[in-house]
Amino acid sequence: MNSVRTNYRWRICALLFFATTINYLDRQVLGILKPLLSTEFGWSETDYSYIVVVFTSFYAVGMLLSGRFVDKVGVKIGYGLCVVVWSIAACGHAFVKGALEFAMVRALLGISESGSFPCAVKSVSEWFPRKEQALAVGILTAGTSIGAVAAPAVVPWLAASYGWKSAFFITGLTGFVWLIFWYLMYQVPARHAKLSQEERSYIDEGQDDGASEKVSVSWLSLLKLRATWTFFSGKLLTDPIWWFMLFWLPSYFNARFGLDLKSLGLPLVIVYTSTSIGSIGGGWISSRLIARGWAVSKARQTTMLGLAFLVVPIAFAPWIENMWVMVGLLSLAAAAHQGWSANLFTTPSDMFPKQLVGSVVGIGGLAGALGATLFPLLVGVILDHFKLLGNINAGYNILFVMCGAAYIVAWCVMALIRGSKPVANIEDVAKQQTPHSAQA
């Protein structure tokens, strides 16, 4: 290793950014094409909600398994396998017909895409000092926003020009391109040939020393810790709101303002572009507070509380008649969610040794996906009920009121159960398990 200061960690962050971009691009295609596919296949709102639930159910199971998987095999192999499988599943949408077959490929997409954030957050915990982790997570989380922006910008054009099957197939191929760069560029810092000793030392500041790499810890032991439940509750209560924005905003603009597939692009691009500002800005704010001497926990909590209040105005949707005002409120709420998420995703690396980060993120991801599995069922029932009454917008209004309150409720719940201090080392967790559970 050379002694000249390098910044290779930000190249790794760029790789993670593009992975999350592709991840969200692939999952968003169905939501964009939903009005077209519903007409072609005769889906009701409940039919569509079942397809969404299949995706989120398998995503939930995958989150739990992928977190443990990446802790076992490492980020390079784990992330690569996830991208291979989800790219195959994304392309597979082009070859199916009807709700059942769509549900099958969505199941494969869900279980494979679930590995993205456990892998990405674990990579950040390995590649960045604690004071930079929220900013790094904010940047990679911005990839979800760019993916969500790219979908309404590109997918309608692809569908109009080449058909909806080509839209699924072409977007699915992007993951295979990313894999080339991943295997050429990625390695853990300790074994990376292009990382300088100075940057390696900088990364190691404030991190645990990894001496306990071989200690086995069960899920049950992690569930005995308040810190795990803090992250679990935050994901459970707020992830469903983001999934609602991903899968139902196109339908909302169609129902409320009469936008067709070609007209959806600009409003959705504005909403999802704002989330990039929110994710990077939210990560930057807490990182800045830490750099100014704030305690890590206080910086995260303060930032998240401010962002929670920024979501509240979306509850006033029933009284908004102008589409562009509604676009503004949705943009504010979506940006605040991504800033919230950037800080929420750093809490496992704040509170746990890096050997456990993937598992804890997986447990929290399971919670978020469970919430996202149940919420679409409620959405489908509410919207179908009010559609039968001839007033589907009333259903959307109820849902937006729920969205506006969710983050304040989540912050309060997290504050009530938050542990007083981080888990110092992996042995502290291992001591809590029985000999039998240690083999889990």
Protein backbone atom coordinates (compact mmCIF):
# COMPACT_ATOMS: atom_id res chain seq x y z
CA MET A 1 0.00 0.00 0.00
CA ASN A 2 1.17 3.50 -0.73
CA SER A 3 1.17 6.25 1.85
CA VAL A 4 -0.53 8.91 -0.30
CA ARG A 5 -4.04 9.77 0.91
CA THR A 6 -6.66 8.27 -1.41
CA ASN A 7 -10.44 8.56 -1.47
CA TYR A 8 -11.23 5.16 -2.88
CA ARG A 9 -14.07 4.69 -0.40
CA TRP A 10 -16.15 7.17 -2.39
CA ARG A 11 -15.76 5.02 -5.51
CA ILE A 12 -17.21 2.18 -3.46
CA CYS A 13 -20.03 4.49 -2.44
CA ALA A 14 -20.64 5.22 -6.13
CA LEU A 15 -20.91 1.49 -6.83
CA LEU A 16 -23.46 1.14 -4.03
CA PHE A 17 -25.36 4.16 -5.37
CA PHE A 18 -25.71 2.61 -8.82
CA ALA A 19 -26.74 -0.74 -7.35
CA THR A 20 -29.60 0.84 -5.41
CA THR A 21 -30.53 2.86 -8.50
CA ILE A 22 -30.91 -0.32 -10.54
CA ASN A 23 -32.69 -2.03 -7.64
CA TYR A 24 -35.41 0.61 -7.54
CA LEU A 25 -35.61 1.02 -11.30
CA ASP A 26 -36.40 -2.68 -11.69
CA ARG A 27 -39.03 -2.79 -8.95
CA GLN A 28 -40.71 0.44 -10.08
CA VAL A 29 -41.46 -0.66 -13.64
CA LEU A 30 -44.60 -2.54 -12.59
CA GLY A 31 -46.01 0.48 -10.75
CA ILE A 32 -45.48 2.73 -13.77
CA LEU A 33 -47.15 0.24 -16.12
CA LYS A 34 -49.95 -0.60 -13.70
CA PRO A 35 -52.68 1.46 -15.47
CA LEU A 36 -51.78 -0.18 -18.80
CA LEU A 37 -51.47 -3.72 -17.39
CA SER A 38 -54.67 -3.38 -15.34
CA THR A 39 -56.55 -2.59 -18.54
CA GLU A 40 -54.90 -5.39 -20.53
CA PHE A 41 -55.38 -8.08 -17.89
CA GLY A 42 -58.51 -6.76 -16.17
CA TRP A 43 -56.96 -6.34 -12.71
CA SER A 44 -58.93 -4.76 -9.87
CA GLU A 45 -57.21 -2.68 -7.19
CA THR A 46 -57.33 -5.76 -4.95
CA ASP A 47 -55.75 -7.94 -7.66
CA TYR A 48 -52.89 -5.49 -7.98
CA SER A 49 -52.53 -5.26 -4.20
CA TYR A 50 -52.10 -9.07 -4.08
CA ILE A 51 -49.23 -8.85 -6.58
CA VAL A 52 -47.63 -6.14 -4.46
CA VAL A 53 -48.13 -8.25 -1.33
CA VAL A 54 -46.39 -11.24 -2.93
CA PHE A 55 -43.38 -9.04 -3.68
CA THR A 56 -43.26 -7.54 -0.20
CA SER A 57 -43.83 -10.91 1.51
CA PHE A 58 -40.87 -12.50 -0.22
CA TYR A 59 -38.90 -9.30 0.30
CA ALA A 60 -39.61 -9.62 4.03
CA VAL A 61 -38.41 -13.21 4.22
CA GLY A 62 -35.43 -12.38 2.05
CA MET A 63 -34.44 -9.47 4.27
CA LEU A 64 -34.02 -11.74 7.28
CA LEU A 65 -32.12 -14.39 5.35
CA SER A 66 -29.98 -12.04 3.28
CA GLY A 67 -28.74 -10.14 6.32
CA ARG A 68 -27.39 -13.34 7.87
CA PHE A 69 -26.18 -14.54 4.45
CA VAL A 70 -24.05 -11.46 3.79
CA ASP A 71 -22.59 -11.63 7.30
CA LYS A 72 -21.50 -15.19 6.47
CA VAL A 73 -20.19 -14.94 2.89
CA GLY A 74 -19.18 -11.28 2.73
CA VAL A 75 -20.39 -8.34 0.70
CA LYS A 76 -18.64 -9.06 -2.61
CA ILE A 77 -20.13 -12.52 -3.13
CA GLY A 78 -23.44 -11.75 -1.42
CA TYR A 79 -24.23 -8.58 -3.34
CA GLY A 80 -23.13 -10.10 -6.63
CA LEU A 81 -25.45 -13.09 -6.25
CA CYS A 82 -28.38 -10.86 -5.30
CA VAL A 83 -27.93 -8.71 -8.41
CA VAL A 84 -27.64 -11.74 -10.70
CA VAL A 85 -30.92 -13.21 -9.44
CA TRP A 86 -32.91 -9.97 -9.36
CA SER A 87 -31.77 -9.07 -12.89
CA ILE A 88 -32.98 -12.46 -14.15
CA ALA A 89 -36.30 -11.91 -12.36
CA ALA A 90 -36.66 -8.38 -13.75
CA CYS A 91 -36.13 -9.61 -17.30
CA GLY A 92 -38.54 -12.47 -16.59
CA HIS A 93 -41.49 -10.06 -16.34
CA ALA A 94 -41.36 -9.81 -20.13
CA PHE A 95 -42.31 -13.48 -20.52
CA VAL A 96 -45.32 -13.82 -18.22
CA LYS A 97 -49.07 -13.43 -18.63
CA GLY A 98 -51.72 -12.78 -16.00
CA ALA A 99 -51.71 -12.04 -12.30
CA LEU A 100 -50.45 -15.45 -11.13
CA GLU A 101 -47.37 -15.45 -13.35
CA PHE A 102 -46.64 -11.83 -12.46
CA ALA A 103 -46.86 -12.80 -8.80
CA MET A 104 -44.32 -15.58 -9.36
CA VAL A 105 -41.67 -13.36 -10.93
CA ARG A 106 -42.38 -10.67 -8.33
CA ALA A 107 -41.68 -13.26 -5.64
CA LEU A 108 -38.26 -14.00 -7.14
CA LEU A 109 -37.59 -10.28 -7.57
CA GLY A 110 -38.58 -9.58 -3.97
CA ILE A 111 -36.44 -12.23 -2.32
CA SER A 112 -33.38 -11.28 -4.38
CA GLU A 113 -33.75 -7.48 -4.17
CA SER A 114 -34.06 -7.76 -0.40
CA GLY A 115 -30.31 -8.28 -0.17
CA SER A 116 -29.48 -4.83 -1.49
CA PHE A 117 -29.64 -2.77 1.69
CA PRO A 118 -28.11 -5.36 4.07
CA CYS A 119 -25.19 -5.63 1.64
CA ALA A 120 -24.90 -1.89 1.07
CA VAL A 121 -25.11 -0.88 4.73
CA LYS A 122 -22.64 -3.58 5.74
CA SER A 123 -20.28 -2.31 3.05
CA VAL A 124 -20.56 1.23 4.43
CA SER A 125 -19.80 -0.04 7.94
CA GLU A 126 -16.61 -1.61 6.56
CA TRP A 127 -15.52 1.22 4.27
CA PHE A 128 -16.36 4.41 6.19
CA PRO A 129 -15.54 5.87 9.60
CA ARG A 130 -18.60 6.33 11.77
CA LYS A 131 -18.71 10.11 11.28
CA GLU A 132 -19.12 9.66 7.49
CA GLN A 133 -21.50 6.72 7.49
CA ALA A 134 -24.77 8.68 7.45
CA LEU A 135 -23.56 10.75 4.48
CA ALA A 136 -22.46 7.60 2.64
CA VAL A 137 -25.79 5.91 3.35
CA GLY A 138 -27.56 9.10 2.26
CA ILE A 139 -25.72 9.02 -1.07
CA LEU A 140 -26.41 5.35 -1.75
CA THR A 141 -30.02 5.84 -0.63
CA ALA A 142 -30.27 8.59 -3.23
CA GLY A 143 -29.92 5.76 -5.72
CA THR A 144 -33.41 4.64 -4.78
CA SER A 145 -34.60 8.11 -5.74
CA ILE A 146 -32.76 8.14 -9.05
CA GLY A 147 -34.14 4.70 -9.85
CA ALA A 148 -37.62 5.92 -9.04
CA VAL A 149 -37.01 8.99 -11.24
CA ALA A 150 -35.57 6.99 -14.12
CA ALA A 151 -38.60 4.71 -14.22
CA PRO A 152 -41.25 7.34 -15.09
CA ALA A 153 -38.75 9.08 -17.37
CA VAL A 154 -37.79 5.97 -19.36
CA VAL A 155 -40.41 3.25 -18.92
CA PRO A 156 -43.39 5.04 -20.58
CA TRP A 157 -41.19 5.79 -23.60
CA LEU A 158 -39.95 2.20 -23.80
CA ALA A 159 -43.49 0.85 -23.46
CA ALA A 160 -44.87 3.24 -26.08
CA SER A 161 -42.02 2.58 -28.51
CA TYR A 162 -41.37 -1.13 -28.08
CA GLY A 163 -44.17 -2.51 -25.90
CA TRP A 164 -44.44 -3.16 -22.16
CA LYS A 165 -42.48 -6.42 -22.38
CA SER A 166 -39.43 -4.60 -23.72
CA ALA A 167 -39.69 -2.09 -20.87
CA PHE A 168 -39.24 -4.91 -18.35
CA PHE A 169 -36.52 -6.70 -20.32
CA ILE A 170 -34.32 -3.70 -21.14
CA THR A 171 -34.35 -2.30 -17.60
CA GLY A 172 -33.60 -5.77 -16.24
CA LEU A 173 -30.38 -5.97 -18.26
CA THR A 174 -28.78 -3.02 -16.46
CA GLY A 175 -27.88 -5.16 -13.45
CA PHE A 176 -25.60 -7.35 -15.54
CA VAL A 177 -23.64 -4.27 -16.66
CA TRP A 178 -23.16 -3.21 -13.02
CA LEU A 179 -21.82 -6.64 -12.10
CA ILE A 180 -18.78 -6.13 -14.35
CA PHE A 181 -17.68 -3.06 -12.39
CA TRP A 182 -18.52 -4.69 -9.06
CA TYR A 183 -16.20 -7.65 -9.53
CA LEU A 184 -13.43 -5.49 -10.96
CA MET A 185 -13.52 -2.80 -8.26
CA TYR A 186 -14.82 -4.23 -4.97
CA GLN A 187 -12.84 -5.81 -2.14
CA VAL A 188 -12.82 -5.32 1.63
CA PRO A 189 -10.44 -2.52 2.75
CA ALA A 190 -7.98 -4.90 4.41
CA ARG A 191 -7.30 -6.65 1.10
CA HIS A 192 -7.78 -3.83 -1.41
CA ALA A 193 -4.67 -3.14 -3.47
CA LYS A 194 -5.65 0.43 -4.41
CA LEU A 195 -6.31 1.63 -0.86
CA SER A 196 -3.57 3.71 0.75
CA GLN A 197 -2.44 3.02 4.30
CA GLU A 198 -3.46 6.54 5.24
CA GLU A 199 -7.01 6.06 4.01
CA ARG A 200 -7.15 2.63 5.65
CA SER A 201 -6.18 4.20 8.99
CA TYR A 202 -8.77 6.95 8.50
CA ILE A 203 -11.50 4.37 7.82
CA ASP A 204 -10.56 2.43 10.94
CA GLU A 205 -11.06 5.49 13.19
CA GLY A 206 -13.90 4.86 15.63
CA GLN A 207 -14.60 1.36 14.32
CA ASP A 208 -14.36 -1.85 16.32
CA ASP A 209 -11.19 -3.79 15.60
CA GLY A 210 -12.90 -6.91 14.22
CA ALA A 211 -11.10 -9.21 16.61
CA SER A 212 -14.26 -11.21 17.25
CA GLU A 213 -14.98 -12.10 13.62
CA LYS A 214 -15.57 -15.80 14.38
CA VAL A 215 -18.04 -15.43 17.26
CA SER A 216 -21.47 -16.79 16.28
CA VAL A 217 -24.56 -14.85 17.32
CA SER A 218 -28.16 -16.01 16.91
CA TRP A 219 -31.15 -13.96 15.81
CA LEU A 220 -32.76 -14.64 19.20
CA SER A 221 -29.83 -12.99 20.96
CA LEU A 222 -30.17 -9.91 18.76
CA LEU A 223 -33.90 -9.76 19.49
CA LYS A 224 -33.16 -9.53 23.22
CA LEU A 225 -31.54 -6.12 22.67
CA ARG A 226 -33.43 -2.83 22.82
CA ALA A 227 -31.24 -1.44 20.04
CA THR A 228 -32.56 -4.10 17.66
CA TRP A 229 -36.16 -3.20 18.48
CA THR A 230 -35.45 0.49 17.98
CA PHE A 231 -34.43 -0.16 14.38
CA PHE A 232 -37.22 -2.74 13.96
CA SER A 233 -39.95 -0.30 15.01
CA GLY A 234 -38.65 2.53 12.84
CA LYS A 235 -38.71 0.33 9.74
CA LEU A 236 -42.06 -1.28 10.56
CA LEU A 237 -43.88 2.04 10.88
CA THR A 238 -42.35 4.05 8.03
CA ASP A 239 -41.32 1.69 5.23
CA PRO A 240 -44.95 1.07 4.20
CA ILE A 241 -45.34 4.78 3.45
CA TRP A 242 -42.47 4.73 0.97
CA TRP A 243 -43.79 1.58 -0.72
CA PHE A 244 -47.17 3.24 -1.03
CA MET A 245 -45.51 6.18 -2.79
CA LEU A 246 -43.69 3.83 -5.15
CA PHE A 247 -46.57 1.56 -6.11
CA TRP A 248 -49.64 3.83 -5.96
CA LEU A 249 -48.61 7.37 -6.93
CA PRO A 250 -49.01 6.67 -10.67
CA SER A 251 -52.54 5.41 -10.03
CA TYR A 252 -53.25 8.37 -7.73
CA PHE A 253 -52.33 10.93 -10.39
CA ASN A 254 -54.41 8.98 -12.89
CA ALA A 255 -57.47 8.85 -10.61
CA ARG A 256 -57.24 12.34 -9.07
CA PHE A 257 -55.97 14.44 -11.98
CA GLY A 258 -56.75 12.28 -15.01
CA LEU A 259 -53.15 11.82 -16.16
CA ASP A 260 -52.48 9.08 -18.72
CA LEU A 261 -49.29 7.05 -19.08
CA LYS A 262 -47.54 9.69 -21.20
CA SER A 263 -48.51 12.55 -18.86
CA LEU A 264 -47.38 10.83 -15.66
CA GLY A 265 -43.70 11.39 -16.29
CA LEU A 266 -43.14 14.99 -15.17
CA PRO A 267 -45.04 14.91 -11.83
CA LEU A 268 -43.42 11.61 -10.85
CA VAL A 269 -39.96 12.78 -11.91
CA ILE A 270 -40.35 15.89 -9.73
CA VAL A 271 -41.49 13.87 -6.71
CA TYR A 272 -38.79 11.24 -6.98
CA THR A 273 -36.03 13.73 -7.85
CA SER A 274 -36.73 15.54 -4.60
CA THR A 275 -35.94 12.36 -2.71
CA SER A 276 -32.31 12.56 -3.84
CA ILE A 277 -32.02 15.93 -2.12
CA GLY A 278 -33.66 14.50 0.98
CA SER A 279 -31.48 11.42 1.27
CA ILE A 280 -28.18 13.24 0.79
CA GLY A 281 -29.31 16.26 2.80
CA GLY A 282 -30.58 14.16 5.69
CA GLY A 283 -27.33 12.25 5.87
CA TRP A 284 -25.29 15.44 5.57
CA ILE A 285 -27.14 17.19 8.42
CA SER A 286 -26.52 14.48 11.01
CA SER A 287 -22.92 14.01 9.83
CA ARG A 288 -22.39 17.75 10.14
CA LEU A 289 -23.80 17.78 13.67
CA ILE A 290 -21.49 14.92 14.66
CA ALA A 291 -18.51 16.77 13.15
CA ARG A 292 -19.45 19.78 15.32
CA GLY A 293 -19.24 17.67 18.46
CA TRP A 294 -22.79 16.36 18.90
CA ALA A 295 -23.19 12.85 20.27
CA VAL A 296 -24.00 10.40 17.48
CA SER A 297 -27.37 9.38 18.95
CA LYS A 298 -28.45 12.98 19.60
CA ALA A 299 -27.51 14.02 16.06
CA ARG A 300 -29.50 11.18 14.52
CA GLN A 301 -32.57 11.70 16.73
CA THR A 302 -32.68 15.46 16.19
CA THR A 303 -32.36 15.13 12.44
CA MET A 304 -35.02 12.43 12.24
CA LEU A 305 -37.47 14.44 14.36
CA GLY A 306 -37.15 17.44 12.07
CA LEU A 307 -37.70 15.24 9.03
CA ALA A 308 -40.73 13.58 10.64
CA PHE A 309 -42.43 16.96 10.91
CA LEU A 310 -41.79 17.64 7.21
CA VAL A 311 -44.02 14.68 6.28
CA VAL A 312 -47.01 16.00 8.24
CA PRO A 313 -48.29 18.44 5.54
CA ILE A 314 -49.19 15.50 3.28
CA ALA A 315 -52.14 14.91 5.61
CA PHE A 316 -53.73 18.03 4.08
CA ALA A 317 -54.11 16.30 0.69
CA PRO A 318 -57.95 16.26 0.91
CA TRP A 319 -57.99 20.05 0.68
CA ILE A 320 -55.52 20.40 -2.20
CA GLU A 321 -57.15 21.00 -5.59
CA ASN A 322 -54.13 22.12 -7.62
CA MET A 323 -52.05 19.26 -9.00
CA TRP A 324 -48.72 21.11 -8.73
CA VAL A 325 -49.34 22.01 -5.09
CA MET A 326 -49.98 18.32 -4.50
CA VAL A 327 -46.77 17.49 -6.34
CA GLY A 328 -44.97 19.90 -4.00
CA LEU A 329 -46.39 18.28 -0.86
CA LEU A 330 -45.60 14.80 -2.12
CA SER A 331 -42.07 15.92 -3.00
CA LEU A 332 -41.55 17.30 0.50
CA ALA A 333 -42.87 14.11 2.12
CA ALA A 334 -40.84 11.82 -0.14
CA ALA A 335 -37.65 13.83 0.42
CA ALA A 336 -38.20 13.76 4.18
CA HIS A 337 -38.71 10.00 4.07
CA GLN A 338 -35.41 9.46 2.31
CA GLY A 339 -33.58 11.71 4.76
CA TRP A 340 -35.22 9.77 7.60
CA SER A 341 -34.22 6.49 5.97
CA ALA A 342 -30.58 7.58 5.51
CA ASN A 343 -30.31 8.20 9.25
CA LEU A 344 -32.37 5.17 10.25
CA PHE A 345 -30.11 2.87 8.23
CA THR A 346 -27.03 4.12 10.07
CA THR A 347 -28.41 3.16 13.49
CA PRO A 348 -27.30 -0.50 13.19
CA SER A 349 -23.70 0.57 12.50
CA ASP A 350 -23.99 3.16 15.29
CA MET A 351 -25.26 0.62 17.80
CA PHE A 352 -23.64 -2.70 16.80
CA PRO A 353 -20.21 -4.13 15.89
CA LYS A 354 -19.79 -4.27 12.11
CA GLN A 355 -19.86 -8.11 12.14
CA LEU A 356 -23.55 -7.91 13.11
CA VAL A 357 -24.67 -5.03 10.91
CA GLY A 358 -25.97 -7.21 8.07
CA SER A 359 -28.05 -9.35 10.44
CA VAL A 360 -29.53 -6.35 12.24
CA VAL A 361 -30.35 -4.60 8.97
CA GLY A 362 -31.99 -7.83 7.83
CA ILE A 363 -34.16 -7.98 10.95
CA GLY A 364 -35.20 -4.36 10.50
CA GLY A 365 -35.75 -4.93 6.81
CA LEU A 366 -38.03 -7.82 7.69
CA ALA A 367 -40.05 -5.45 9.86
CA GLY A 368 -40.29 -2.86 7.09
CA ALA A 369 -41.31 -5.45 4.55
CA LEU A 370 -43.92 -6.92 6.91
CA GLY A 371 -45.45 -3.48 7.26
CA ALA A 372 -45.24 -3.05 3.51
CA THR A 373 -46.95 -6.43 3.06
CA LEU A 374 -49.92 -5.59 5.28
CA PHE A 375 -50.35 -1.97 4.21
CA PRO A 376 -51.07 -2.73 0.52
CA LEU A 377 -53.88 -5.05 1.59
CA LEU A 378 -55.42 -2.16 3.49
CA VAL A 379 -54.79 0.16 0.55
CA GLY A 380 -56.48 -2.22 -1.88
CA VAL A 381 -59.54 -2.69 0.34
CA ILE A 382 -59.93 1.05 1.00
CA LEU A 383 -59.53 2.05 -2.65
CA ASP A 384 -61.86 -0.65 -3.98
CA HIS A 385 -64.48 0.32 -1.38
CA PHE A 386 -64.45 3.98 -2.34
CA LYS A 387 -64.20 3.16 -6.05
CA LEU A 388 -67.50 1.27 -5.73
CA LEU A 389 -68.95 4.36 -4.08
CA GLY A 390 -67.75 6.44 -7.02
CA ASN A 391 -65.25 8.45 -4.96
CA ILE A 392 -61.85 6.75 -5.02
CA ASN A 393 -60.19 10.07 -4.11
CA ALA A 394 -61.75 9.82 -0.63
CA GLY A 395 -59.82 6.59 -0.16
CA TYR A 396 -56.57 8.27 -1.15
CA ASN A 397 -57.31 11.12 1.27
CA ILE A 398 -57.60 8.69 4.19
CA LEU A 399 -54.31 7.07 3.22
CA PHE A 400 -52.49 10.41 3.02
CA VAL A 401 -53.66 11.34 6.52
CA MET A 402 -52.16 8.07 7.76
CA CYS A 403 -48.92 8.85 5.92
CA GLY A 404 -48.68 12.28 7.52
CA ALA A 405 -48.84 10.88 11.05
CA ALA A 406 -46.62 7.81 10.59
CA TYR A 407 -43.19 9.37 11.14
CA ILE A 408 -44.06 11.29 14.30
CA VAL A 409 -45.54 8.10 15.73
CA ALA A 410 -42.45 6.13 14.69
CA TRP A 411 -40.06 8.65 16.26
CA CYS A 412 -41.97 8.54 19.56
CA VAL A 413 -42.00 4.73 19.63
CA MET A 414 -38.27 4.60 18.89
CA ALA A 415 -37.58 7.14 21.64
CA LEU A 416 -39.52 5.03 24.14
CA ILE A 417 -37.64 1.79 23.49
CA ARG A 418 -34.20 3.09 22.50
CA GLY A 419 -31.30 1.55 24.44
CA SER A 420 -29.08 3.84 26.48
CA LYS A 421 -25.79 2.88 24.84
CA PRO A 422 -24.38 0.96 21.85
CA VAL A 423 -23.42 -2.70 22.03
CA ALA A 424 -19.70 -2.49 22.74
CA ASN A 425 -18.58 -5.72 21.10
CA ILE A 426 -19.85 -8.95 19.66
CA GLU A 427 -19.06 -10.94 22.81
CA ASP A 428 -21.63 -8.84 24.71
CA VAL A 429 -24.31 -10.26 22.43
CA ALA A 430 -22.90 -13.79 22.38
CA LYS A 431 -22.98 -13.98 26.19
CA GLN A 432 -26.78 -13.65 26.12
CA GLN A 433 -27.36 -16.79 24.09
CA THR A 434 -27.61 -20.36 25.28
CA PRO A 435 -25.24 -23.00 23.86
CA HIS A 436 -28.11 -24.24 21.70
CA SER A 437 -28.99 -20.83 20.29
CA ALA A 438 -25.37 -20.10 19.49
CA GLN A 439 -25.61 -22.66 16.71
CA ALA A 440 -28.58 -20.92 15.06
